[in-house]
C-alpha atoms as a PDB file:
ATOM      1  CA  MET A   1     140.755 307.603   7.076  1.00  0.00           C
ATOM      2  CA  ILE A   2     139.214 305.647   4.201  1.00  0.00           C
ATOM      3  CA  CYS A   3     136.108 304.910   5.972  1.00  0.00           C
ATOM      4  CA  ARG A   4     135.982 308.715   7.262  1.00  0.00           C
ATOM      5  CA  HIS A   5     136.222 309.759   3.702  1.00  0.00           C
ATOM      6  CA  ALA A   6     134.023 307.450   2.569  1.00  0.00           C
ATOM      7  CA  GLN A   7     131.265 308.606   5.169  1.00  0.00           C
ATOM      8  CA  THR A   8     131.700 312.216   3.962  1.00  0.00           C
ATOM      9  CA  LEU A   9     130.862 311.342   0.686  1.00  0.00           C
ATOM     10  CA  GLY A  10     127.761 309.253   1.814  1.00  0.00           C
ATOM     11  CA  GLN A  11     126.524 312.323   3.816  1.00  0.00           C
ATOM     12  CA  LEU A  12     127.307 314.488   0.058  1.00  0.00           C
ATOM     13  CA  GLY A  13     125.362 312.572  -1.553  1.00  0.00           C
ATOM     14  CA  LEU A  14     127.891 311.579  -4.152  1.00  0.00           C
ATOM     15  CA  PRO A  15     128.222 308.589  -5.399  1.00  0.00           C
ATOM     16  CA  PHE A  16     130.889 305.967  -3.550  1.00  0.00           C
ATOM     17  CA  ARG A  17     132.853 303.532  -5.752  1.00  0.00           C
ATOM     18  CA  LYS A  18     134.272 300.262  -3.971  1.00  0.00           C
ATOM     19  CA  LEU A  19     138.025 299.728  -4.581  1.00  0.00           C
ATOM     20  CA  GLY A  20     138.924 296.669  -6.171  1.00  0.00           C
ATOM     21  CA  ARG A  21     138.719 294.533  -9.114  1.00  0.00           C
ATOM     22  CA  GLY A  22     134.766 293.959  -8.961  1.00  0.00           C
ATOM     23  CA  GLY A  23     132.979 291.407 -10.261  1.00  0.00           C
ATOM     24  CA  ALA A  24     132.672 289.963 -13.890  1.00  0.00           C
ATOM     25  CA  ARG A  25     132.631 292.433 -16.427  1.00  0.00           C
ATOM     26  CA  LYS A  26     131.650 292.886 -20.268  1.00  0.00           C
ATOM     27  CA  ASN A  27     134.554 292.166 -22.294  1.00  0.00           C
ATOM     28  CA  ALA A  28     136.419 292.114 -19.687  1.00  0.00           C
ATOM     29  CA  GLY A  29     139.705 289.811 -19.745  1.00  0.00           C
ATOM     30  CA  ARG A  30     141.900 288.337 -22.826  1.00  0.00           C
ATOM     31  CA  LYS A  31     141.146 289.672 -25.756  1.00  0.00           C
ATOM     32  CA  ARG A  32     141.023 285.820 -28.242  1.00  0.00           C
ATOM     33  CA  ASN A  33     143.661 286.667 -31.495  1.00  0.00           C
ATOM     34  CA  PRO A  34     141.960 286.972 -34.394  1.00  0.00           C
ATOM     35  CA  ASP A  35     144.226 285.134 -36.060  1.00  0.00           C
ATOM     36  CA  SER A  36     143.856 281.811 -34.312  1.00  0.00           C
ATOM     37  CA  GLY A  37     141.905 279.008 -35.862  1.00  0.00           C
ATOM     38  CA  VAL A  38     141.893 276.400 -32.932  1.00  0.00           C
ATOM     39  CA  PRO A  39     139.301 278.087 -30.059  1.00  0.00           C
ATOM     40  CA  HIS A  40     140.520 278.303 -26.880  1.00  0.00           C
ATOM     41  CA  ARG A  41     137.974 276.345 -25.001  1.00  0.00           C
ATOM     42  CA  ALA A  42     137.848 272.410 -22.860  1.00  0.00           C
ATOM     43  CA  ARG A  43     139.455 269.731 -24.803  1.00  0.00           C
ATOM     44  CA  PRO A  44     137.320 266.977 -25.091  1.00  0.00           C
ATOM     45  CA  ASP A  45     138.233 263.660 -23.399  1.00  0.00           C
ATOM     46  CA  HIS A  46     140.570 260.743 -25.726  1.00  0.00           C
ATOM     47  CA  ASN A  47     139.948 256.919 -25.209  1.00  0.00           C
ATOM     48  CA  ARG A  48     143.016 255.125 -25.259  1.00  0.00           C
ATOM     49  CA  ARG A  49     142.455 253.031 -28.119  1.00  0.00           C
ATOM     50  CA  HIS A  50     141.792 255.677 -31.345  1.00  0.00           C
ATOM     51  CA  PRO A  51     144.951 257.597 -32.297  1.00  0.00           C
ATOM     52  CA  VAL A  52     144.723 260.995 -32.859  1.00  0.00           C
ATOM     53  CA  HIS A  53     145.813 263.604 -35.448  1.00  0.00           C
ATOM     54  CA  VAL A  54     147.820 266.714 -34.711  1.00  0.00           C
ATOM     55  CA  THR A  55     148.183 269.872 -36.206  1.00  0.00           C
ATOM     56  CA  LEU A  56     150.828 272.108 -35.918  1.00  0.00           C
ATOM     57  CA  ARG A  57     151.358 275.575 -36.415  1.00  0.00           C
ATOM     58  CA  VAL A  58     154.390 278.035 -36.585  1.00  0.00           C
ATOM     59  CA  ALA A  59     154.429 281.805 -36.624  1.00  0.00           C
ATOM     60  CA  LEU A  60     155.272 284.358 -39.374  1.00  0.00           C
ATOM     61  CA  GLY A  61     159.004 285.207 -39.278  1.00  0.00           C
ATOM     62  CA  VAL A  62     160.034 281.239 -38.284  1.00  0.00           C
ATOM     63  CA  PRO A  63     161.536 279.796 -41.294  1.00  0.00           C
ATOM     64  CA  ASN A  64     161.018 277.741 -43.370  1.00  0.00           C
ATOM     65  CA  LEU A  65     161.367 274.196 -41.365  1.00  0.00           C
ATOM     66  CA  ARG A  66     162.285 271.523 -44.609  1.00  0.00           C
ATOM     67  CA  THR A  67     165.795 273.337 -44.615  1.00  0.00           C
ATOM     68  CA  GLN A  68     167.848 271.518 -43.207  1.00  0.00           C
ATOM     69  CA  VAL A  69     168.942 273.830 -39.974  1.00  0.00           C
ATOM     70  CA  CYS A  70     164.748 274.123 -39.233  1.00  0.00           C
ATOM     71  CA  PHE A  71     164.260 269.986 -39.715  1.00  0.00           C
ATOM     72  CA  ASN A  72     167.409 269.026 -37.480  1.00  0.00           C
ATOM     73  CA  ALA A  73     166.556 270.500 -34.644  1.00  0.00           C
ATOM     74  CA  VAL A  74     162.261 269.297 -35.287  1.00  0.00           C
ATOM     75  CA  ARG A  75     164.518 266.056 -35.238  1.00  0.00           C
ATOM     76  CA  ARG A  76     166.372 266.210 -32.589  1.00  0.00           C
ATOM     77  CA  ALA A  77     163.081 267.187 -30.566  1.00  0.00           C
ATOM     78  CA  PHE A  78     161.236 264.239 -31.725  1.00  0.00           C
ATOM     79  CA  LYS A  79     164.613 262.321 -30.935  1.00  0.00           C
ATOM     80  CA  ALA A  80     164.678 263.892 -27.430  1.00  0.00           C
ATOM     81  CA  GLY A  81     160.966 262.032 -26.204  1.00  0.00           C
ATOM     82  CA  ARG A  82     160.979 259.473 -28.591  1.00  0.00           C
ATOM     83  CA  GLY A  83     161.157 257.712 -24.781  1.00  0.00           C
ATOM     84  CA  GLY A  84     157.980 258.528 -23.890  1.00  0.00           C
ATOM     85  CA  VAL A  85     155.370 255.485 -22.111  1.00  0.00           C
ATOM     86  CA  SER A  86     151.943 257.092 -22.994  1.00  0.00           C
ATOM     87  CA  PHE A  87     152.489 259.158 -25.791  1.00  0.00           C
ATOM     88  CA  ARG A  88     153.789 258.206 -28.802  1.00  0.00           C
ATOM     89  CA  VAL A  89     154.127 260.085 -31.510  1.00  0.00           C
ATOM     90  CA  VAL A  90     153.500 257.161 -34.099  1.00  0.00           C
ATOM     91  CA  HIS A  91     154.070 258.895 -37.668  1.00  0.00           C
ATOM     92  CA  PHE A  92     154.581 262.792 -39.227  1.00  0.00           C
ATOM     93  CA  THR A  93     155.338 265.425 -41.936  1.00  0.00           C
ATOM     94  CA  VAL A  94     157.234 268.204 -41.715  1.00  0.00           C
ATOM     95  CA  GLN A  95     155.907 271.244 -43.859  1.00  0.00           C
ATOM     96  CA  SER A  96     157.197 274.557 -44.866  1.00  0.00           C
ATOM     97  CA  ASN A  97     155.079 276.150 -42.025  1.00  0.00           C
ATOM     98  CA  HIS A  98     153.031 273.593 -40.022  1.00  0.00           C
ATOM     99  CA  LEU A  99     153.854 269.884 -39.197  1.00  0.00           C
ATOM    100  CA  HIS A 100     151.060 267.201 -38.555  1.00  0.00           C
ATOM    101  CA  LEU A 101     151.226 264.068 -36.605  1.00  0.00           C
ATOM    102  CA  LEU A 102     149.659 261.404 -35.827  1.00  0.00           C
ATOM    103  CA  VAL A 103     150.276 260.139 -32.049  1.00  0.00           C
ATOM    104  CA  GLU A 104     148.571 257.839 -29.443  1.00  0.00           C
ATOM    105  CA  ALA A 105     148.645 258.528 -25.342  1.00  0.00           C
ATOM    106  CA  ASP A 106     146.814 257.019 -22.938  1.00  0.00           C
ATOM    107  CA  ASP A 107     144.226 259.237 -21.367  1.00  0.00           C
ATOM    108  CA  LYS A 108     143.173 262.504 -21.995  1.00  0.00           C
ATOM    109  CA  ARG A 109     145.927 264.321 -19.320  1.00  0.00           C
ATOM    110  CA  ALA A 110     148.951 262.007 -21.548  1.00  0.00           C
ATOM    111  CA  LEU A 111     147.502 263.362 -24.529  1.00  0.00           C
ATOM    112  CA  SER A 112     147.835 267.152 -23.360  1.00  0.00           C
ATOM    113  CA  ARG A 113     151.200 267.144 -21.347  1.00  0.00           C
ATOM    114  CA  GLY A 114     152.899 265.126 -24.075  1.00  0.00           C
ATOM    115  CA  LEU A 115     152.052 267.700 -27.031  1.00  0.00           C
ATOM    116  CA  THR A 116     152.371 270.560 -24.919  1.00  0.00           C
ATOM    117  CA  ALA A 117     156.178 269.030 -24.433  1.00  0.00           C
ATOM    118  CA  LEU A 118     156.835 267.829 -27.624  1.00  0.00           C
ATOM    119  CA  SER A 119     155.845 272.191 -28.572  1.00  0.00           C
ATOM    120  CA  ILE A 120     158.386 272.661 -26.453  1.00  0.00           C
ATOM    121  CA  ARG A 121     161.226 271.197 -27.758  1.00  0.00           C
ATOM    122  CA  ILE A 122     160.676 271.812 -30.377  1.00  0.00           C
ATOM    123  CA  ALA A 123     160.146 275.670 -30.041  1.00  0.00           C
ATOM    124  CA  ARG A 124     163.428 275.619 -27.925  1.00  0.00           C
ATOM    125  CA  ALA A 125     165.659 273.254 -30.596  1.00  0.00           C
ATOM    126  CA  LEU A 126     164.495 275.650 -33.467  1.00  0.00           C
ATOM    127  CA  ASN A 127     165.214 279.106 -31.057  1.00  0.00           C
ATOM    128  CA  ARG A 128     168.784 278.013 -30.165  1.00  0.00           C
ATOM    129  CA  GLU A 129     169.961 276.227 -33.914  1.00  0.00           C
ATOM    130  CA  LEU A 130     168.136 279.842 -35.425  1.00  0.00           C
ATOM    131  CA  ARG A 131     169.213 281.812 -32.479  1.00  0.00           C
ATOM    132  CA  ARG A 132     166.384 284.337 -32.295  1.00  0.00           C
ATOM    133  CA  LYS A 133     163.939 284.625 -29.551  1.00  0.00           C
ATOM    134  CA  GLY A 134     160.232 284.930 -29.566  1.00  0.00           C
ATOM    135  CA  ARG A 135     157.117 282.537 -30.108  1.00  0.00           C
ATOM    136  CA  VAL A 136     157.614 279.866 -33.124  1.00  0.00           C
ATOM    137  CA  PHE A 137     153.802 278.810 -33.164  1.00  0.00           C
ATOM    138  CA  ALA A 138     151.232 280.504 -33.843  1.00  0.00           C
ATOM    139  CA  GLU A 139     148.470 278.976 -31.458  1.00  0.00           C
ATOM    140  CA  ARG A 140     147.243 276.134 -29.681  1.00  0.00           C
ATOM    141  CA  TYR A 141     147.799 272.311 -31.561  1.00  0.00           C
ATOM    142  CA  HIS A 142     144.676 270.865 -33.183  1.00  0.00           C
ATOM    143  CA  ALA A 143     144.401 268.124 -32.073  1.00  0.00           C
ATOM    144  CA  ARG A 144     141.185 265.230 -33.305  1.00  0.00           C
ATOM    145  CA  ASP A 145     140.614 261.879 -32.687  1.00  0.00           C
ATOM    146  CA  LEU A 146     139.845 259.032 -35.004  1.00  0.00           C
ATOM    147  CA  GLN A 147     137.675 256.550 -33.980  1.00  0.00           C
ATOM    148  CA  SER A 148     137.061 254.098 -37.402  1.00  0.00           C
ATOM    149  CA  PRO A 149     139.216 252.147 -39.792  1.00  0.00           C
ATOM    150  CA  ARG A 150     138.407 254.571 -42.824  1.00  0.00           C
ATOM    151  CA  GLU A 151     139.487 258.005 -40.235  1.00  0.00           C
ATOM    152  CA  VAL A 152     142.750 256.223 -39.808  1.00  0.00           C
ATOM    153  CA  ARG A 153     143.462 255.231 -43.106  1.00  0.00           C
ATOM    154  CA  ILE A 154     142.881 258.304 -45.446  1.00  0.00           C
ATOM    155  CA  CYS A 155     144.776 260.479 -42.066  1.00  0.00           C
ATOM    156  CA  VAL A 156     148.012 258.319 -42.653  1.00  0.00           C
ATOM    157  CA  THR A 157     147.080 259.333 -46.400  1.00  0.00           C
ATOM    158  CA  TYR A 158     147.397 262.667 -45.777  1.00  0.00           C
ATOM    159  CA  VAL A 159     150.462 262.430 -43.057  1.00  0.00           C
ATOM    160  CA  LEU A 160     152.858 260.522 -45.006  1.00  0.00           C
ATOM    161  CA  LEU A 161     151.957 261.561 -48.879  1.00  0.00           C
ATOM    162  CA  ASN A 162     151.384 265.639 -47.400  1.00  0.00           C
ATOM    163  CA  ASN A 163     154.126 266.720 -49.691  1.00  0.00           C
ATOM    164  CA  ARG A 164     152.520 265.470 -52.631  1.00  0.00           C
ATOM    165  CA  ARG A 165     149.425 267.829 -51.749  1.00  0.00           C
ATOM    166  CA  HIS A 166     151.580 270.424 -51.397  1.00  0.00           C
ATOM    167  CA  SER A 167     154.157 269.737 -54.763  1.00  0.00           C
ATOM    168  CA  GLY A 168     150.796 270.541 -57.573  1.00  0.00           C
ATOM    169  CA  ILE A 169     151.073 267.417 -59.269  1.00  0.00           C
ATOM    170  CA  SER A 170     146.952 266.333 -59.718  1.00  0.00           C
ATOM    171  CA  GLY A 171     145.724 263.289 -59.982  1.00  0.00           C
ATOM    172  CA  LEU A 172     146.605 259.316 -58.910  1.00  0.00           C
ATOM    173  CA  GLY A 173     150.240 258.855 -60.381  1.00  0.00           C
ATOM    174  CA  ARG A 174     151.747 255.533 -62.887  1.00  0.00           C
ATOM    175  CA  GLU A 175     154.851 256.268 -61.268  1.00  0.00           C
ATOM    176  CA  THR A 176     156.940 252.418 -60.365  1.00  0.00           C
ATOM    177  CA  ARG A 177     158.736 253.927 -58.196  1.00  0.00           C
ATOM    178  CA  VAL A 178     157.916 256.235 -55.784  1.00  0.00           C
ATOM    179  CA  VAL A 179     160.499 258.877 -53.687  1.00  0.00           C
ATOM    180  CA  LEU A 180     159.326 258.546 -49.775  1.00  0.00           C
ATOM    181  CA  ASP A 181     159.264 262.587 -48.173  1.00  0.00           C
ATOM    182  CA  PRO A 182     162.278 262.598 -46.660  1.00  0.00           C
ATOM    183  CA  CYS A 183     160.518 265.122 -43.818  1.00  0.00           C
ATOM    184  CA  SER A 184     157.979 262.663 -42.816  1.00  0.00           C
ATOM    185  CA  SER A 185     158.005 259.108 -41.297  1.00  0.00           C
ATOM    186  CA  ALA A 186     156.930 257.289 -44.701  1.00  0.00           C
ATOM    187  CA  ALA A 187     160.077 255.726 -45.219  1.00  0.00           C
ATOM    188  CA  LYS A 188     159.419 253.846 -41.720  1.00  0.00           C
ATOM    189  CA  PHE A 189     155.963 252.717 -42.756  1.00  0.00           C
ATOM    190  CA  ASP A 190     155.287 249.112 -44.078  1.00  0.00           C
ATOM    191  CA  GLY A 191     151.659 249.530 -45.448  1.00  0.00           C
ATOM    192  CA  TRP A 192     152.523 250.773 -48.903  1.00  0.00           C
ATOM    193  CA  ARG A 193     151.083 248.796 -51.599  1.00  0.00           C
ATOM    194  CA  ALA A 194     153.381 245.742 -52.968  1.00  0.00           C
ATOM    195  CA  ASP A 195     153.477 246.873 -56.881  1.00  0.00           C
ATOM    196  CA  VAL A 196     154.995 250.280 -56.674  1.00  0.00           C
ATOM    197  CA  GLN A 197     158.442 250.617 -55.598  1.00  0.00           C
ATOM    198  CA  VAL A 198     159.049 253.240 -53.085  1.00  0.00           C
ATOM    199  CA  ILE A 199     163.162 254.582 -52.124  1.00  0.00           C
ATOM    200  CA  ALA A 200     163.470 256.412 -48.343  1.00  0.00           C
ATOM    201  CA  ARG A 201     165.806 258.375 -48.217  1.00  0.00           C
ATOM    202  CA  PRO A 202     167.392 259.233 -44.897  1.00  0.00           C
ATOM    203  CA  PRO A 203     165.902 262.506 -43.780  1.00  0.00           C
ATOM    204  CA  PHE A 204     168.963 264.495 -43.614  1.00  0.00           C
ATOM    205  CA  CYS A 205     171.032 263.179 -41.261  1.00  0.00           C
ATOM    206  CA  GLU A 206     169.701 260.334 -38.962  1.00  0.00           C
ATOM    207  CA  PRO A 207     167.085 257.819 -40.154  1.00  0.00           C
ATOM    208  CA  VAL A 208     163.739 258.264 -39.298  1.00  0.00           C
ATOM    209  CA  ASP A 209     163.357 254.971 -36.289  1.00  0.00           C
ATOM    210  CA  GLU A 210     165.115 257.705 -33.523  1.00  0.00           C
ATOM    211  CA  MET A 211     162.081 260.415 -33.947  1.00  0.00           C
ATOM    212  CA  VAL A 212     159.003 257.766 -33.859  1.00  0.00           C
ATOM    213  CA  LEU A 213     156.992 254.838 -32.262  1.00  0.00           C
ATOM    214  CA  PRO A 214     155.511 251.719 -33.402  1.00  0.00           C
ATOM    215  CA  ALA A 215     151.579 252.055 -32.915  1.00  0.00           C
ATOM    216  CA  ARG A 216     150.115 250.173 -30.005  1.00  0.00           C
ATOM    217  CA  THR A 217     146.291 250.906 -31.109  1.00  0.00           C
ATOM    218  CA  TRP A 218     144.531 248.359 -33.255  1.00  0.00           C
ATOM    219  CA  LEU A 219     143.307 251.050 -34.859  1.00  0.00           C
ATOM    220  CA  LEU A 220     146.404 253.154 -36.563  1.00  0.00           C
ATOM    221  CA  GLY A 221     148.332 249.168 -36.189  1.00  0.00           C
ATOM    222  CA  THR A 222     146.525 246.992 -38.249  1.00  0.00           C
ATOM    223  CA  GLY A 223     143.104 247.812 -38.450  1.00  0.00           C
ATOM    224  CA  TRP A 224     143.490 251.049 -40.950  1.00  0.00           C
ATOM    225  CA  GLN A 225     143.897 248.253 -43.345  1.00  0.00           C
ATOM    226  CA  LYS A 226     140.039 246.515 -42.807  1.00  0.00           C
ATOM    227  CA  ALA A 227     139.204 249.877 -45.173  1.00  0.00           C
ATOM    228  CA  GLY A 228     140.776 248.910 -48.004  1.00  0.00           C
ATOM    229  CA  GLY A 229     144.140 247.230 -47.961  1.00  0.00           C
ATOM    230  CA  PRO A 230     147.726 248.554 -48.172  1.00  0.00           C
ATOM    231  CA  LEU A 231     148.463 252.573 -49.080  1.00  0.00           C
ATOM    232  CA  ASP A 232     149.024 253.274 -53.375  1.00  0.00           C
ATOM    233  CA  PRO A 233     152.529 255.631 -53.156  1.00  0.00           C
ATOM    234  CA  ARG A 234     151.001 257.741 -55.440  1.00  0.00           C
ATOM    235  CA  SER A 235     147.757 259.525 -54.123  1.00  0.00           C
ATOM    236  CA  ILE A 236     147.536 262.963 -53.874  1.00  0.00           C
ATOM    237  CA  PRO A 237     145.672 263.104 -50.243  1.00  0.00           C
ATOM    238  CA  GLY A 238     142.184 265.550 -50.694  1.00  0.00           C
ATOM    239  CA  PRO A 239     141.471 268.161 -47.826  1.00  0.00           C
ATOM    240  CA  ASN A 240     141.516 266.237 -44.476  1.00  0.00           C
END
């Protein structure tokens, strides 16, 4: 019937439109979210010797991540994935609407799978704790390989002292002691300057040891000190 009908249309000189989806069309496909800051393009290759700085931003409507309820949910998600071999979270900070991580991965695939699994665990833990449904993260994660001691040093400072950046402190302080951010892995870090006392408070319930793993790369383990020695906990990180 379809073929006979098409033949009749052809004899009458009427245009015949093919059934089906057809080929590629301009502006076809899923539209990109204009609010997303991470382009949907192929991820670059990853060298296992390079630590990675990762940023995860939560969607509008997700409560402050630094509250006890939310942070404990995030903590459980970190703890559940701590036993990974090919993917490791070494440092982190949890801010009100985003997270910064310093991670290591054996290759591009391990990095992608590890971050995807971590994002899913965090999202499920938060939704379960908050008794909500829906998306937790606003966009794809942003990841950048760090290839030199200087890059790693700047990024370690940025991650571990990120709350000082957001708290409105200006300039290098003159404190003789500094209280470390309890919603970060700063308490686990052993590279602070010896002449400034650091006071570590556990992140609400459990110690940071339950959430992170030791660095295995030279850059994140000791190499960053080649760019200036131990970190000053009074520093205020600039834009990264």
